[in-house]
N, C-alpha and C. Protein backbone atom coordinates (compact mmCIF):
# COMPACT_ATOMS: atom_id res chain seq x y z
N MET A 1 154.96 59.69 -63.85
CA MET A 1 155.81 58.97 -62.89
C MET A 1 154.96 58.22 -61.87
N ALA A 2 153.88 58.88 -61.45
CA ALA A 2 153.00 58.24 -60.47
C ALA A 2 152.34 57.01 -61.05
N SER A 3 152.03 57.06 -62.37
CA SER A 3 151.39 55.92 -63.01
C SER A 3 152.30 54.70 -63.05
N VAL A 4 153.60 54.89 -62.98
CA VAL A 4 154.55 53.77 -62.98
C VAL A 4 154.74 53.23 -61.57
N LEU A 5 154.74 54.11 -60.57
CA LEU A 5 154.99 53.68 -59.19
C LEU A 5 153.82 52.89 -58.61
N VAL A 6 152.61 53.16 -59.04
CA VAL A 6 151.43 52.47 -58.48
C VAL A 6 151.46 50.98 -58.76
N PRO A 7 151.66 50.54 -60.02
CA PRO A 7 151.72 49.08 -60.24
C PRO A 7 152.92 48.43 -59.58
N VAL A 8 154.06 49.16 -59.53
CA VAL A 8 155.24 48.60 -58.87
C VAL A 8 154.98 48.40 -57.39
N ALA A 9 154.37 49.38 -56.76
CA ALA A 9 154.03 49.26 -55.34
C ALA A 9 153.03 48.14 -55.10
N TYR A 10 152.09 47.99 -56.03
CA TYR A 10 151.09 46.92 -55.90
C TYR A 10 151.76 45.55 -55.95
N VAL A 11 152.69 45.39 -56.90
CA VAL A 11 153.39 44.10 -57.01
C VAL A 11 154.23 43.82 -55.77
N ILE A 12 154.89 44.84 -55.25
CA ILE A 12 155.72 44.66 -54.05
C ILE A 12 154.86 44.26 -52.86
N ILE A 13 153.71 44.91 -52.73
CA ILE A 13 152.82 44.60 -51.60
C ILE A 13 152.29 43.17 -51.70
N VAL A 14 151.88 42.77 -52.92
CA VAL A 14 151.31 41.42 -53.09
C VAL A 14 152.36 40.34 -52.80
N PHE A 15 153.53 40.47 -53.45
CA PHE A 15 154.56 39.45 -53.24
C PHE A 15 155.12 39.50 -51.81
N GLY A 16 155.19 40.68 -51.23
CA GLY A 16 155.64 40.77 -49.84
C GLY A 16 154.67 40.09 -48.89
N GLY A 17 153.38 40.28 -49.14
CA GLY A 17 152.38 39.60 -48.31
C GLY A 17 152.44 38.09 -48.44
N LEU A 18 152.62 37.60 -49.69
CA LEU A 18 152.74 36.16 -49.91
C LEU A 18 153.98 35.59 -49.22
N PHE A 19 155.08 36.35 -49.27
CA PHE A 19 156.32 35.89 -48.64
C PHE A 19 156.16 35.79 -47.13
N VAL A 20 155.54 36.81 -46.54
CA VAL A 20 155.33 36.80 -45.09
C VAL A 20 154.40 35.66 -44.69
N PHE A 21 153.34 35.47 -45.47
CA PHE A 21 152.40 34.38 -45.16
C PHE A 21 153.08 33.02 -45.25
N SER A 22 153.86 32.79 -46.31
CA SER A 22 154.54 31.50 -46.47
C SER A 22 155.57 31.27 -45.37
N PHE A 23 156.24 32.33 -44.93
CA PHE A 23 157.24 32.20 -43.87
C PHE A 23 156.60 31.74 -42.57
N PHE A 24 155.52 32.40 -42.18
CA PHE A 24 154.86 32.02 -40.93
C PHE A 24 154.16 30.67 -41.05
N TYR A 25 153.66 30.36 -42.24
CA TYR A 25 152.99 29.06 -42.43
C TYR A 25 153.99 27.92 -42.30
N ARG A 26 155.17 28.06 -42.92
CA ARG A 26 156.20 27.02 -42.80
C ARG A 26 156.69 26.89 -41.37
N LYS A 27 156.80 28.02 -40.68
CA LYS A 27 157.23 27.98 -39.29
C LYS A 27 156.20 27.27 -38.42
N HIS A 28 154.93 27.49 -38.73
CA HIS A 28 153.86 26.84 -37.96
C HIS A 28 153.82 25.34 -38.23
N THR A 29 153.92 24.96 -39.49
CA THR A 29 153.85 23.54 -39.84
C THR A 29 155.09 22.77 -39.41
N SER A 30 156.24 23.43 -39.35
CA SER A 30 157.46 22.73 -38.95
C SER A 30 157.44 22.35 -37.48
N THR A 31 156.79 23.15 -36.65
CA THR A 31 156.71 22.85 -35.22
C THR A 31 155.45 22.05 -34.86
N ARG A 32 154.63 21.75 -35.83
CA ARG A 32 153.40 21.02 -35.54
C ARG A 32 153.67 19.53 -35.44
N ILE A 33 153.01 18.87 -34.48
CA ILE A 33 153.16 17.44 -34.28
C ILE A 33 152.00 16.74 -34.98
N TYR A 34 152.34 15.87 -35.93
CA TYR A 34 151.32 15.17 -36.70
C TYR A 34 151.03 13.81 -36.07
N GLU A 35 149.83 13.33 -36.34
CA GLU A 35 149.45 12.00 -35.85
C GLU A 35 150.28 10.95 -36.57
N PRO A 36 150.82 9.96 -35.85
CA PRO A 36 151.69 8.97 -36.50
C PRO A 36 150.94 8.18 -37.57
N TYR A 37 151.63 7.95 -38.68
CA TYR A 37 151.02 7.23 -39.81
C TYR A 37 150.85 5.76 -39.48
N PHE A 38 151.83 5.19 -38.77
CA PHE A 38 151.77 3.79 -38.35
C PHE A 38 151.49 3.74 -36.84
N PRO A 39 150.89 2.67 -36.38
CA PRO A 39 150.74 2.50 -34.93
C PRO A 39 152.08 2.19 -34.27
N SER A 40 152.05 1.82 -33.03
CA SER A 40 153.29 1.50 -32.32
C SER A 40 153.99 0.31 -32.98
N HIS A 41 155.27 0.17 -32.66
CA HIS A 41 156.10 -0.88 -33.27
C HIS A 41 156.37 -1.96 -32.23
N PRO A 42 155.47 -2.93 -32.07
CA PRO A 42 155.64 -3.94 -31.01
C PRO A 42 156.87 -4.82 -31.22
N GLU A 43 157.23 -5.10 -32.48
CA GLU A 43 158.41 -5.94 -32.73
C GLU A 43 159.69 -5.24 -32.27
N ARG A 44 159.79 -3.95 -32.53
CA ARG A 44 160.95 -3.21 -32.07
C ARG A 44 160.98 -3.13 -30.54
N ASN A 45 159.82 -2.90 -29.94
CA ASN A 45 159.76 -2.83 -28.48
C ASN A 45 160.14 -4.17 -27.84
N ALA A 46 159.71 -5.27 -28.47
CA ALA A 46 160.04 -6.59 -27.93
C ALA A 46 161.55 -6.84 -28.02
N TYR A 47 162.16 -6.44 -29.14
CA TYR A 47 163.62 -6.63 -29.28
C TYR A 47 164.39 -5.80 -28.26
N ILE A 48 163.98 -4.57 -28.06
CA ILE A 48 164.68 -3.70 -27.09
C ILE A 48 164.52 -4.25 -25.67
N THR A 49 163.33 -4.78 -25.38
CA THR A 49 163.11 -5.36 -24.05
C THR A 49 164.01 -6.56 -23.82
N LEU A 50 164.12 -7.42 -24.83
CA LEU A 50 165.01 -8.58 -24.70
C LEU A 50 166.47 -8.14 -24.61
N LEU A 51 166.82 -7.10 -25.34
CA LEU A 51 168.20 -6.63 -25.33
C LEU A 51 168.59 -6.05 -23.97
N GLN A 52 167.63 -5.45 -23.29
CA GLN A 52 167.90 -4.85 -22.00
C GLN A 52 167.75 -5.83 -20.84
N LYS A 53 167.31 -7.03 -21.15
CA LYS A 53 167.12 -8.03 -20.10
C LYS A 53 168.48 -8.49 -19.58
N CYS A 54 168.67 -8.47 -18.26
CA CYS A 54 169.99 -8.79 -17.68
C CYS A 54 169.96 -9.99 -16.74
N ASP A 55 168.84 -10.30 -16.15
CA ASP A 55 168.80 -11.36 -15.15
C ASP A 55 167.67 -12.34 -15.44
N PRO A 56 167.91 -13.43 -16.18
CA PRO A 56 169.14 -13.73 -16.93
C PRO A 56 169.11 -13.04 -18.28
N PRO A 57 170.24 -12.85 -18.92
CA PRO A 57 170.26 -12.20 -20.23
C PRO A 57 169.66 -13.11 -21.31
N ALA A 58 169.06 -12.49 -22.31
CA ALA A 58 168.47 -13.27 -23.40
C ALA A 58 169.57 -13.88 -24.26
N SER A 59 169.30 -15.07 -24.77
CA SER A 59 170.28 -15.76 -25.61
C SER A 59 170.39 -15.08 -26.97
N ASP A 60 171.50 -15.35 -27.65
CA ASP A 60 171.70 -14.77 -28.98
C ASP A 60 170.67 -15.27 -29.97
N ALA A 61 170.29 -16.55 -29.85
CA ALA A 61 169.29 -17.10 -30.77
C ALA A 61 167.96 -16.37 -30.61
N LEU A 62 167.57 -16.09 -29.37
CA LEU A 62 166.31 -15.38 -29.13
C LEU A 62 166.39 -13.95 -29.65
N LEU A 63 167.53 -13.30 -29.44
CA LEU A 63 167.69 -11.93 -29.93
C LEU A 63 167.68 -11.87 -31.46
N LYS A 64 168.33 -12.85 -32.09
CA LYS A 64 168.34 -12.88 -33.56
C LYS A 64 166.93 -13.10 -34.10
N SER A 65 166.18 -14.00 -33.47
CA SER A 65 164.81 -14.24 -33.91
C SER A 65 163.96 -12.98 -33.76
N ALA A 66 164.12 -12.28 -32.64
CA ALA A 66 163.36 -11.03 -32.44
C ALA A 66 163.78 -9.96 -33.44
N LEU A 67 165.07 -9.93 -33.78
CA LEU A 67 165.53 -8.94 -34.77
C LEU A 67 164.98 -9.24 -36.15
N VAL A 68 164.88 -10.52 -36.49
CA VAL A 68 164.30 -10.89 -37.79
C VAL A 68 162.83 -10.50 -37.83
N ARG A 69 162.12 -10.72 -36.74
CA ARG A 69 160.72 -10.30 -36.68
C ARG A 69 160.59 -8.79 -36.82
N ARG A 70 161.51 -8.08 -36.24
CA ARG A 70 161.51 -6.62 -36.37
C ARG A 70 161.75 -6.22 -37.83
N ALA A 71 162.67 -6.90 -38.49
CA ALA A 71 162.92 -6.61 -39.91
C ALA A 71 161.71 -6.95 -40.77
N MET A 72 161.00 -8.02 -40.44
CA MET A 72 159.79 -8.38 -41.20
C MET A 72 158.73 -7.30 -41.07
N ALA A 73 158.56 -6.76 -39.87
CA ALA A 73 157.60 -5.67 -39.69
C ALA A 73 158.02 -4.43 -40.48
N ASP A 74 159.34 -4.16 -40.54
CA ASP A 74 159.82 -3.01 -41.31
C ASP A 74 159.56 -3.21 -42.81
N VAL A 75 159.73 -4.43 -43.29
CA VAL A 75 159.46 -4.71 -44.71
C VAL A 75 157.99 -4.46 -45.03
N GLN A 76 157.11 -4.88 -44.13
CA GLN A 76 155.68 -4.64 -44.35
C GLN A 76 155.37 -3.14 -44.41
N ARG A 77 156.06 -2.35 -43.59
CA ARG A 77 155.82 -0.91 -43.60
C ARG A 77 156.38 -0.26 -44.86
N VAL A 78 157.52 -0.76 -45.33
CA VAL A 78 158.08 -0.23 -46.58
C VAL A 78 157.11 -0.49 -47.73
N LEU A 79 156.57 -1.70 -47.80
CA LEU A 79 155.62 -2.04 -48.87
C LEU A 79 154.36 -1.19 -48.75
N ARG A 80 153.93 -0.93 -47.52
CA ARG A 80 152.73 -0.11 -47.33
C ARG A 80 152.95 1.31 -47.82
N ILE A 81 154.11 1.87 -47.53
CA ILE A 81 154.40 3.24 -47.98
C ILE A 81 154.51 3.29 -49.50
N ARG A 82 155.13 2.29 -50.09
CA ARG A 82 155.24 2.26 -51.56
C ARG A 82 153.87 2.19 -52.21
N GLU A 83 152.93 1.53 -51.60
CA GLU A 83 151.59 1.43 -52.17
C GLU A 83 150.78 2.70 -51.92
N ASP A 84 150.94 3.29 -50.74
CA ASP A 84 150.09 4.43 -50.36
C ASP A 84 150.58 5.76 -50.92
N LYS A 85 151.88 5.90 -51.11
CA LYS A 85 152.43 7.21 -51.46
C LYS A 85 151.89 7.75 -52.79
N PRO A 86 151.89 6.97 -53.89
CA PRO A 86 151.34 7.53 -55.14
C PRO A 86 149.86 7.89 -55.03
N ALA A 87 149.09 7.04 -54.33
CA ALA A 87 147.66 7.33 -54.19
C ALA A 87 147.43 8.58 -53.36
N LEU A 88 148.18 8.73 -52.27
CA LEU A 88 148.02 9.93 -51.44
C LEU A 88 148.46 11.18 -52.18
N GLN A 89 149.49 11.05 -53.01
CA GLN A 89 149.95 12.21 -53.78
C GLN A 89 148.87 12.66 -54.77
N ASN A 90 148.22 11.71 -55.42
CA ASN A 90 147.14 12.06 -56.35
C ASN A 90 145.97 12.70 -55.61
N LEU A 91 145.62 12.14 -54.45
CA LEU A 91 144.52 12.71 -53.68
C LEU A 91 144.86 14.10 -53.17
N LEU A 92 146.13 14.31 -52.81
CA LEU A 92 146.54 15.64 -52.33
C LEU A 92 146.45 16.67 -53.46
N GLN A 93 146.86 16.29 -54.66
CA GLN A 93 146.78 17.21 -55.81
C GLN A 93 145.34 17.55 -56.16
N LYS A 94 144.43 16.59 -55.95
CA LYS A 94 143.02 16.86 -56.24
C LYS A 94 142.33 17.60 -55.10
N GLY A 95 142.99 17.69 -53.96
CA GLY A 95 142.38 18.36 -52.82
C GLY A 95 141.46 17.48 -52.01
N SER A 96 141.54 16.16 -52.22
CA SER A 96 140.67 15.24 -51.48
C SER A 96 141.13 15.01 -50.06
N ILE A 97 142.41 15.20 -49.78
CA ILE A 97 142.95 15.04 -48.43
C ILE A 97 143.71 16.30 -48.05
N GLY A 98 143.96 16.45 -46.77
CA GLY A 98 144.70 17.62 -46.30
C GLY A 98 146.19 17.34 -46.22
N ASP A 99 146.91 18.38 -45.82
CA ASP A 99 148.36 18.25 -45.68
C ASP A 99 148.76 17.40 -44.49
N ASP A 100 147.87 17.26 -43.51
CA ASP A 100 148.21 16.53 -42.30
C ASP A 100 148.56 15.07 -42.61
N LEU A 101 147.72 14.41 -43.39
CA LEU A 101 147.96 13.01 -43.71
C LEU A 101 149.21 12.84 -44.56
N TRP A 102 149.43 13.73 -45.50
CA TRP A 102 150.61 13.66 -46.35
C TRP A 102 151.88 13.86 -45.54
N ASN A 103 151.89 14.87 -44.66
CA ASN A 103 153.07 15.11 -43.83
C ASN A 103 153.30 13.99 -42.83
N SER A 104 152.22 13.39 -42.36
CA SER A 104 152.36 12.25 -41.46
C SER A 104 153.02 11.07 -42.17
N MET A 105 152.65 10.85 -43.43
CA MET A 105 153.27 9.78 -44.20
C MET A 105 154.75 10.08 -44.48
N LEU A 106 155.08 11.33 -44.76
CA LEU A 106 156.48 11.70 -44.99
C LEU A 106 157.32 11.51 -43.73
N ASN A 107 156.76 11.87 -42.58
CA ASN A 107 157.47 11.65 -41.32
C ASN A 107 157.68 10.16 -41.05
N ALA A 108 156.66 9.36 -41.36
CA ALA A 108 156.81 7.92 -41.18
C ALA A 108 157.88 7.35 -42.11
N GLU A 109 157.98 7.90 -43.31
CA GLU A 109 159.01 7.45 -44.25
C GLU A 109 160.41 7.76 -43.72
N LYS A 110 160.58 8.95 -43.14
CA LYS A 110 161.89 9.30 -42.58
C LYS A 110 162.22 8.43 -41.37
N GLU A 111 161.23 8.21 -40.51
CA GLU A 111 161.47 7.35 -39.35
C GLU A 111 161.80 5.92 -39.77
N LEU A 112 161.19 5.47 -40.85
CA LEU A 112 161.46 4.12 -41.33
C LEU A 112 162.89 3.99 -41.87
N GLU A 113 163.38 5.04 -42.50
CA GLU A 113 164.77 5.01 -42.96
C GLU A 113 165.74 4.87 -41.78
N VAL A 114 165.47 5.60 -40.69
CA VAL A 114 166.31 5.49 -39.49
C VAL A 114 166.18 4.10 -38.88
N GLU A 115 164.96 3.57 -38.87
CA GLU A 115 164.73 2.23 -38.33
C GLU A 115 165.50 1.17 -39.10
N ILE A 116 165.51 1.27 -40.41
CA ILE A 116 166.23 0.29 -41.24
C ILE A 116 167.73 0.35 -40.95
N MET A 117 168.26 1.54 -40.80
CA MET A 117 169.68 1.67 -40.49
C MET A 117 170.00 1.06 -39.12
N GLU A 118 169.10 1.23 -38.16
CA GLU A 118 169.32 0.63 -36.84
C GLU A 118 169.29 -0.90 -36.91
N VAL A 119 168.37 -1.45 -37.68
CA VAL A 119 168.29 -2.91 -37.81
C VAL A 119 169.55 -3.46 -38.48
N VAL A 120 170.03 -2.79 -39.50
CA VAL A 120 171.25 -3.23 -40.18
C VAL A 120 172.43 -3.20 -39.21
N ALA A 121 172.53 -2.14 -38.41
CA ALA A 121 173.63 -2.04 -37.44
C ALA A 121 173.53 -3.13 -36.39
N GLU A 122 172.32 -3.43 -35.90
CA GLU A 122 172.14 -4.49 -34.92
C GLU A 122 172.50 -5.85 -35.51
N ALA A 123 172.11 -6.07 -36.75
CA ALA A 123 172.44 -7.34 -37.39
C ALA A 123 173.94 -7.51 -37.55
N ASN A 124 174.61 -6.48 -37.94
CA ASN A 124 176.08 -6.55 -38.07
C ASN A 124 176.77 -6.73 -36.73
N SER A 125 176.13 -6.31 -35.64
CA SER A 125 176.73 -6.52 -34.33
C SER A 125 176.72 -7.99 -33.93
N PHE A 126 175.79 -8.77 -34.46
CA PHE A 126 175.78 -10.21 -34.21
C PHE A 126 176.75 -10.94 -35.12
N VAL A 127 176.60 -10.75 -36.42
CA VAL A 127 177.45 -11.39 -37.42
C VAL A 127 177.80 -10.34 -38.46
N GLU A 128 179.06 -10.19 -38.74
CA GLU A 128 179.50 -9.20 -39.72
C GLU A 128 178.95 -9.56 -41.11
N GLY A 129 178.29 -8.60 -41.72
CA GLY A 129 177.70 -8.82 -43.05
C GLY A 129 176.26 -9.29 -43.02
N TRP A 130 175.73 -9.61 -41.83
CA TRP A 130 174.34 -10.07 -41.76
C TRP A 130 173.38 -8.94 -42.11
N GLY A 131 173.79 -7.71 -41.85
CA GLY A 131 172.92 -6.58 -42.16
C GLY A 131 172.60 -6.44 -43.64
N GLN A 132 173.44 -7.00 -44.50
CA GLN A 132 173.20 -6.91 -45.94
C GLN A 132 172.13 -7.89 -46.42
N VAL A 133 171.89 -8.94 -45.63
CA VAL A 133 170.97 -9.99 -46.08
C VAL A 133 169.76 -10.14 -45.17
N ILE A 134 169.69 -9.40 -44.07
CA ILE A 134 168.59 -9.61 -43.14
C ILE A 134 167.25 -9.20 -43.74
N PHE A 135 167.22 -8.12 -44.52
CA PHE A 135 165.95 -7.69 -45.11
C PHE A 135 165.51 -8.58 -46.27
N PRO A 136 166.41 -9.04 -47.16
CA PRO A 136 165.97 -10.05 -48.12
C PRO A 136 165.45 -11.32 -47.46
N THR A 137 166.10 -11.74 -46.37
CA THR A 137 165.61 -12.91 -45.64
C THR A 137 164.23 -12.66 -45.04
N ALA A 138 164.03 -11.48 -44.47
CA ALA A 138 162.72 -11.14 -43.91
C ALA A 138 161.65 -11.09 -45.00
N ASN A 139 162.01 -10.60 -46.16
CA ASN A 139 161.05 -10.55 -47.28
C ASN A 139 160.65 -11.95 -47.71
N GLU A 140 161.60 -12.88 -47.78
CA GLU A 140 161.29 -14.26 -48.14
C GLU A 140 160.40 -14.92 -47.09
N MET A 141 160.68 -14.66 -45.83
CA MET A 141 159.86 -15.24 -44.77
C MET A 141 158.43 -14.71 -44.83
N LEU A 142 158.27 -13.44 -45.15
CA LEU A 142 156.92 -12.89 -45.30
C LEU A 142 156.17 -13.55 -46.46
N ALA A 143 156.89 -13.77 -47.57
CA ALA A 143 156.26 -14.43 -48.72
C ALA A 143 155.85 -15.86 -48.36
N ASN A 144 156.68 -16.57 -47.61
CA ASN A 144 156.34 -17.94 -47.20
C ASN A 144 155.13 -17.95 -46.27
N GLU A 145 155.06 -16.98 -45.36
CA GLU A 145 153.90 -16.91 -44.47
C GLU A 145 152.61 -16.62 -45.24
N LYS A 146 152.70 -15.77 -46.24
CA LYS A 146 151.51 -15.48 -47.04
C LYS A 146 151.05 -16.71 -47.81
N MET A 147 152.00 -17.46 -48.38
CA MET A 147 151.64 -18.68 -49.12
C MET A 147 151.03 -19.71 -48.19
N ARG A 148 151.58 -19.86 -46.99
CA ARG A 148 151.02 -20.82 -46.04
C ARG A 148 149.62 -20.41 -45.62
N ALA A 149 149.39 -19.11 -45.44
CA ALA A 149 148.05 -18.65 -45.08
C ALA A 149 147.05 -18.93 -46.21
N VAL A 150 147.50 -18.75 -47.45
CA VAL A 150 146.62 -19.03 -48.59
C VAL A 150 146.26 -20.51 -48.65
N PHE A 151 147.25 -21.39 -48.43
CA PHE A 151 146.99 -22.84 -48.44
C PHE A 151 146.04 -23.23 -47.31
N GLU A 152 146.21 -22.63 -46.14
CA GLU A 152 145.32 -22.96 -45.02
C GLU A 152 143.90 -22.51 -45.32
N ARG A 153 143.75 -21.32 -45.89
CA ARG A 153 142.40 -20.86 -46.24
C ARG A 153 141.78 -21.75 -47.32
N THR A 154 142.60 -22.20 -48.27
CA THR A 154 142.08 -23.09 -49.32
C THR A 154 141.62 -24.41 -48.74
N ALA A 155 142.40 -24.97 -47.81
CA ALA A 155 142.01 -26.23 -47.18
C ALA A 155 140.73 -26.07 -46.38
N GLU A 156 140.58 -24.97 -45.67
CA GLU A 156 139.35 -24.72 -44.91
C GLU A 156 138.15 -24.57 -45.84
N ALA A 157 138.36 -23.87 -46.96
CA ALA A 157 137.26 -23.69 -47.92
C ALA A 157 136.84 -25.02 -48.53
N ARG A 158 137.82 -25.88 -48.85
CA ARG A 158 137.49 -27.19 -49.40
C ARG A 158 136.75 -28.04 -48.38
N SER A 159 137.16 -27.99 -47.13
CA SER A 159 136.48 -28.76 -46.10
C SER A 159 135.04 -28.30 -45.93
N GLU A 160 134.82 -26.98 -45.91
CA GLU A 160 133.46 -26.46 -45.79
C GLU A 160 132.61 -26.84 -47.00
N LEU A 161 133.21 -26.78 -48.20
CA LEU A 161 132.47 -27.14 -49.41
C LEU A 161 132.11 -28.62 -49.42
N GLY A 162 133.05 -29.49 -48.97
CA GLY A 162 132.76 -30.91 -48.90
C GLY A 162 131.64 -31.21 -47.92
N THR A 163 131.63 -30.52 -46.79
CA THR A 163 130.57 -30.73 -45.81
C THR A 163 129.21 -30.32 -46.38
N LYS A 164 129.17 -29.19 -47.09
CA LYS A 164 127.92 -28.74 -47.69
C LYS A 164 127.43 -29.72 -48.75
N LEU A 165 128.36 -30.25 -49.58
CA LEU A 165 127.97 -31.20 -50.62
C LEU A 165 127.41 -32.48 -50.01
N VAL A 166 128.01 -32.96 -48.94
CA VAL A 166 127.51 -34.18 -48.28
C VAL A 166 126.11 -33.95 -47.75
N LEU A 167 125.85 -32.79 -47.16
CA LEU A 167 124.52 -32.50 -46.64
C LEU A 167 123.49 -32.42 -47.76
N VAL A 168 123.88 -31.80 -48.89
CA VAL A 168 122.94 -31.68 -50.02
C VAL A 168 122.63 -33.03 -50.61
N ILE A 169 123.67 -33.87 -50.80
CA ILE A 169 123.45 -35.22 -51.38
C ILE A 169 122.61 -36.07 -50.44
N THR A 170 122.83 -35.96 -49.14
CA THR A 170 122.04 -36.73 -48.18
C THR A 170 120.57 -36.34 -48.22
N ASP A 171 120.32 -35.05 -48.36
CA ASP A 171 118.92 -34.60 -48.43
C ASP A 171 118.25 -35.06 -49.71
N ASP A 172 119.00 -35.09 -50.84
CA ASP A 172 118.41 -35.48 -52.12
C ASP A 172 118.15 -36.98 -52.20
N VAL A 173 119.00 -37.80 -51.58
CA VAL A 173 118.90 -39.25 -51.73
C VAL A 173 118.00 -39.86 -50.67
N ALA A 174 117.58 -39.10 -49.68
CA ALA A 174 116.76 -39.66 -48.59
C ALA A 174 115.47 -40.23 -49.15
N PRO A 175 115.09 -41.58 -48.88
CA PRO A 175 113.87 -42.20 -49.43
C PRO A 175 112.61 -41.65 -48.80
N SER A 176 111.60 -41.63 -49.59
CA SER A 176 110.31 -41.16 -49.09
C SER A 176 109.24 -42.13 -49.54
N SER A 177 108.67 -42.90 -48.59
CA SER A 177 107.68 -43.93 -48.91
C SER A 177 106.32 -43.34 -49.21
N LYS A 178 106.03 -42.16 -48.63
CA LYS A 178 104.74 -41.51 -48.85
C LYS A 178 104.98 -40.12 -49.38
N PRO A 179 104.58 -39.89 -50.64
CA PRO A 179 104.70 -38.54 -51.17
C PRO A 179 103.73 -37.62 -50.47
N SER A 180 103.89 -36.35 -50.78
CA SER A 180 103.06 -35.32 -50.14
C SER A 180 101.61 -35.41 -50.55
N ASN A 181 101.28 -36.02 -51.73
CA ASN A 181 99.90 -36.07 -52.19
C ASN A 181 99.13 -37.26 -51.61
N GLY A 182 99.79 -38.06 -50.74
CA GLY A 182 99.10 -39.16 -50.09
C GLY A 182 99.13 -40.45 -50.87
N LEU A 183 99.63 -40.52 -52.11
CA LEU A 183 99.70 -41.73 -52.91
C LEU A 183 100.98 -42.48 -52.61
N LEU A 184 100.94 -43.80 -52.79
CA LEU A 184 102.12 -44.62 -52.57
C LEU A 184 103.09 -44.44 -53.72
N SER A 185 104.35 -44.65 -53.42
CA SER A 185 105.36 -44.59 -54.46
C SER A 185 105.25 -45.79 -55.36
N PRO A 186 105.80 -45.75 -56.59
CA PRO A 186 105.70 -46.88 -57.53
C PRO A 186 106.26 -48.16 -56.97
N SER A 187 107.34 -48.14 -56.24
CA SER A 187 107.94 -49.37 -55.71
C SER A 187 107.02 -50.01 -54.68
N VAL A 188 106.39 -49.17 -53.83
CA VAL A 188 105.48 -49.71 -52.82
C VAL A 188 104.24 -50.27 -53.48
N GLN A 189 103.75 -49.60 -54.55
CA GLN A 189 102.57 -50.12 -55.28
C GLN A 189 102.86 -51.47 -55.90
N ALA A 190 104.06 -51.64 -56.48
CA ALA A 190 104.42 -52.91 -57.10
C ALA A 190 104.50 -54.01 -56.06
N GLU A 191 105.05 -53.74 -54.89
CA GLU A 191 105.15 -54.75 -53.84
C GLU A 191 103.77 -55.17 -53.35
N SER A 192 102.88 -54.20 -53.18
CA SER A 192 101.53 -54.53 -52.72
C SER A 192 100.77 -55.33 -53.77
N PHE A 193 100.99 -55.03 -55.04
CA PHE A 193 100.31 -55.77 -56.11
C PHE A 193 100.76 -57.21 -56.14
N VAL A 194 102.05 -57.45 -56.00
CA VAL A 194 102.58 -58.82 -56.02
C VAL A 194 102.07 -59.61 -54.85
N SER A 195 102.03 -59.01 -53.68
CA SER A 195 101.56 -59.72 -52.49
C SER A 195 100.08 -60.08 -52.61
N SER A 196 99.29 -59.12 -53.12
CA SER A 196 97.86 -59.41 -53.27
C SER A 196 97.62 -60.47 -54.32
N ASP A 197 98.40 -60.48 -55.39
CA ASP A 197 98.26 -61.48 -56.44
C ASP A 197 98.62 -62.86 -55.92
N GLY A 198 99.59 -62.95 -55.07
CA GLY A 198 99.98 -64.25 -54.51
C GLY A 198 98.91 -64.81 -53.61
N GLU A 199 98.27 -63.95 -52.85
CA GLU A 199 97.21 -64.41 -51.97
C GLU A 199 96.02 -64.93 -52.76
N GLY A 200 95.65 -64.24 -53.90
CA GLY A 200 94.51 -64.68 -54.70
C GLY A 200 94.74 -66.03 -55.35
N SER A 201 95.94 -66.29 -55.83
CA SER A 201 96.24 -67.56 -56.49
C SER A 201 96.23 -68.70 -55.49
N GLY A 202 96.64 -68.41 -54.26
CA GLY A 202 96.62 -69.45 -53.24
C GLY A 202 95.20 -69.87 -52.91
N LYS A 203 94.31 -68.93 -52.85
CA LYS A 203 92.92 -69.26 -52.56
C LYS A 203 92.30 -70.08 -53.66
N LYS A 204 92.62 -69.81 -54.89
CA LYS A 204 92.05 -70.54 -56.01
C LYS A 204 92.49 -71.98 -56.00
N THR A 205 93.71 -72.25 -55.67
CA THR A 205 94.20 -73.62 -55.64
C THR A 205 93.54 -74.43 -54.54
N LYS A 206 93.21 -73.82 -53.44
CA LYS A 206 92.55 -74.51 -52.36
C LYS A 206 91.14 -74.94 -52.78
N LYS A 207 90.44 -74.09 -53.53
CA LYS A 207 89.08 -74.43 -53.95
C LYS A 207 89.08 -75.63 -54.90
N ARG A 208 90.11 -75.77 -55.75
CA ARG A 208 90.16 -76.85 -56.71
C ARG A 208 90.33 -78.20 -56.01
N LYS A 209 90.98 -78.21 -54.89
CA LYS A 209 91.11 -79.45 -54.15
C LYS A 209 89.73 -79.89 -53.67
């Protein structure tokens, strides 16, 4: 009988210890404050500041523009989380990162969901149904800004390349009357030969007279 109770007691002690450890660990991590995954949200702060402005109050056009900018920042954060989440999950499984970064990203994801709902509600307060299209509009505006930035960088690169080519061509085509070895160039030698030949023929004609 004792031989049966010993392994049973061992199993109870092991699983009981694991249960107590997991309980206190979850309680500790649930009350822990993690470092924010994203920095502050200046677009949201700017919109709230304009919304609270009373003397004089901000115009609807200005508020709508600030709300669209806020939605554009939210779209960028959604794309960032979609890109980072699979990579962080793989790193967490390999043990390359700790739980702090992963939990910080999960908290940022939950906060972003609340933020999106607030933006949709604010958009509908201006125009009914605008909340359904504000994020697609913000996504298109972000794509247009990226394309414009690419075109500007391309134009700058072409201008720099053209300037370099002009400098290289100018250096290559620059005439040099005296080479480094001290000898005259072929064109200068030909000119000197013709001039000397003309002088000799002139002298000969004078003697014949």
